C-alpha atoms as a PDB file:
ATOM      1  CA  MET A   1     -10.783 -20.010  24.673  1.00  0.00           C
ATOM      2  CA  SER A   2     -11.005 -17.956  27.805  1.00  0.00           C
ATOM      3  CA  VAL A   3     -10.791 -14.174  27.881  1.00  0.00           C
ATOM      4  CA  LYS A   4      -8.417 -12.289  30.168  1.00  0.00           C
ATOM      5  CA  ILE A   5      -8.441  -8.648  31.187  1.00  0.00           C
ATOM      6  CA  LYS A   6      -4.768  -7.744  31.100  1.00  0.00           C
ATOM      7  CA  LEU A   7      -2.216  -4.998  30.458  1.00  0.00           C
ATOM      8  CA  THR A   8      -0.426  -4.300  27.190  1.00  0.00           C
ATOM      9  CA  ARG A   9       2.771  -2.277  27.340  1.00  0.00           C
ATOM     10  CA  LEU A  10       3.305   0.920  25.404  1.00  0.00           C
ATOM     11  CA  GLY A  11       5.775   3.754  25.847  1.00  0.00           C
ATOM     12  CA  SER A  12       9.497   3.913  25.402  1.00  0.00           C
ATOM     13  CA  LYS A  13      12.350   2.223  27.208  1.00  0.00           C
ATOM     14  CA  LYS A  14      12.164   2.828  30.986  1.00  0.00           C
ATOM     15  CA  HIS A  15       8.974   4.907  30.543  1.00  0.00           C
ATOM     16  CA  PRO A  16       6.160   2.353  30.507  1.00  0.00           C
ATOM     17  CA  PHE A  17       2.544   3.127  29.767  1.00  0.00           C
ATOM     18  CA  TYR A  18      -0.083   0.405  29.833  1.00  0.00           C
ATOM     19  CA  ARG A  19      -3.496  -0.134  28.256  1.00  0.00           C
ATOM     20  CA  VAL A  20      -6.052  -2.295  30.018  1.00  0.00           C
ATOM     21  CA  VAL A  21      -7.541  -4.631  27.408  1.00  0.00           C
ATOM     22  CA  ALA A  22      -9.736  -7.688  27.031  1.00  0.00           C
ATOM     23  CA  ALA A  23      -7.895 -10.333  25.010  1.00  0.00           C
ATOM     24  CA  ASN A  24      -7.903 -14.075  24.434  1.00  0.00           C
ATOM     25  CA  ASP A  25      -5.856 -16.047  26.920  1.00  0.00           C
ATOM     26  CA  CYS A  26      -3.394 -17.308  24.298  1.00  0.00           C
ATOM     27  CA  THR A  27      -2.807 -13.875  22.722  1.00  0.00           C
ATOM     28  CA  ALA A  28       0.674 -12.398  23.180  1.00  0.00           C
ATOM     29  CA  ARG A  29       1.104  -9.540  25.666  1.00  0.00           C
ATOM     30  CA  ASP A  30       1.143  -6.917  22.920  1.00  0.00           C
ATOM     31  CA  GLY A  31      -1.081  -8.829  20.494  1.00  0.00           C
ATOM     32  CA  ARG A  32      -4.368  -7.678  19.050  1.00  0.00           C
ATOM     33  CA  PRO A  33      -6.973  -7.204  21.823  1.00  0.00           C
ATOM     34  CA  LEU A  34     -10.711  -7.723  21.632  1.00  0.00           C
ATOM     35  CA  GLU A  35     -11.469  -4.344  23.260  1.00  0.00           C
ATOM     36  CA  PHE A  36      -9.692  -1.456  25.002  1.00  0.00           C
ATOM     37  CA  LEU A  37     -10.946  -0.866  28.553  1.00  0.00           C
ATOM     38  CA  GLY A  38      -8.728   1.918  29.890  1.00  0.00           C
ATOM     39  CA  PHE A  39      -5.130   2.848  30.648  1.00  0.00           C
ATOM     40  CA  TYR A  40      -2.587   2.888  33.493  1.00  0.00           C
ATOM     41  CA  ASN A  41       0.383   5.266  33.709  1.00  0.00           C
ATOM     42  CA  PRO A  42       2.680   4.324  36.622  1.00  0.00           C
ATOM     43  CA  MET A  43       5.216   7.071  35.826  1.00  0.00           C
ATOM     44  CA  THR A  44       3.114   9.912  37.285  1.00  0.00           C
ATOM     45  CA  ASN A  45       2.842  10.596  40.994  1.00  0.00           C
ATOM     46  CA  PRO A  46       0.224   9.396  41.912  1.00  0.00           C
ATOM     47  CA  ALA A  47      -0.207   6.815  39.186  1.00  0.00           C
ATOM     48  CA  GLN A  48      -2.796   7.822  36.588  1.00  0.00           C
ATOM     49  CA  VAL A  49      -5.518   5.239  36.028  1.00  0.00           C
ATOM     50  CA  GLN A  50      -8.594   5.565  33.840  1.00  0.00           C
ATOM     51  CA  LEU A  51     -10.931   2.591  33.553  1.00  0.00           C
ATOM     52  CA  ASP A  52     -14.258   2.205  31.763  1.00  0.00           C
ATOM     53  CA  ALA A  53     -16.282   0.553  34.536  1.00  0.00           C
ATOM     54  CA  GLU A  54     -19.245  -0.257  32.294  1.00  0.00           C
ATOM     55  CA  LYS A  55     -17.162  -2.175  29.742  1.00  0.00           C
ATOM     56  CA  ILE A  56     -15.194  -3.960  32.473  1.00  0.00           C
ATOM     57  CA  ASN A  57     -18.400  -5.072  34.181  1.00  0.00           C
ATOM     58  CA  GLN A  58     -19.705  -6.412  30.852  1.00  0.00           C
ATOM     59  CA  TRP A  59     -16.556  -8.493  30.314  1.00  0.00           C
ATOM     60  CA  LEU A  60     -16.593  -9.779  33.905  1.00  0.00           C
ATOM     61  CA  ALA A  61     -20.257 -10.804  33.455  1.00  0.00           C
ATOM     62  CA  ARG A  62     -19.252 -12.751  30.318  1.00  0.00           C
ATOM     63  CA  GLY A  63     -16.668 -14.687  32.345  1.00  0.00           C
ATOM     64  CA  ALA A  64     -13.443 -12.778  31.655  1.00  0.00           C
ATOM     65  CA  GLN A  65     -10.751 -13.255  34.294  1.00  0.00           C
ATOM     66  CA  PRO A  66      -8.529 -10.295  35.301  1.00  0.00           C
ATOM     67  CA  THR A  67      -4.807 -10.839  35.821  1.00  0.00           C
ATOM     68  CA  ASP A  68      -3.357 -10.199  39.280  1.00  0.00           C
ATOM     69  CA  THR A  69      -2.160  -6.693  38.390  1.00  0.00           C
ATOM     70  CA  VAL A  70      -5.462  -5.700  36.818  1.00  0.00           C
ATOM     71  CA  ARG A  71      -7.332  -7.177  39.791  1.00  0.00           C
ATOM     72  CA  SER A  72      -5.375  -4.899  42.154  1.00  0.00           C
ATOM     73  CA  LEU A  73      -6.107  -1.880  39.924  1.00  0.00           C
ATOM     74  CA  LEU A  74      -9.811  -2.752  39.954  1.00  0.00           C
ATOM     75  CA  ARG A  75      -9.799  -3.032  43.756  1.00  0.00           C
ATOM     76  CA  THR A  76      -8.118   0.317  44.314  1.00  0.00           C
ATOM     77  CA  HIS A  77      -9.909   2.333  41.624  1.00  0.00           C
ATOM     78  CA  LEU A  78     -13.322   0.717  41.196  1.00  0.00           C
ATOM     79  CA  GLY A  79     -13.799  -0.926  44.574  1.00  0.00           C
ATOM     80  CA  LYS A  80     -14.304  -4.420  43.077  1.00  0.00           C
END
């Protein structure tokens, strides 16, 4: 099984809040993750993003693949 770095949705209707997590590829969007890596709140202006760079680098070194959305967050906030 491959590991993905992806977003899980929290928050109420029309007020999303996302956690950045490492999870198995076949796990559901809101299923149990392997590890929490940060969060993303698009409802604030500017969007609030907090990422644990050390943990993310460890997962990327192990072969985890970020989703497209997480990849864009990593580019803008960590310079990866």
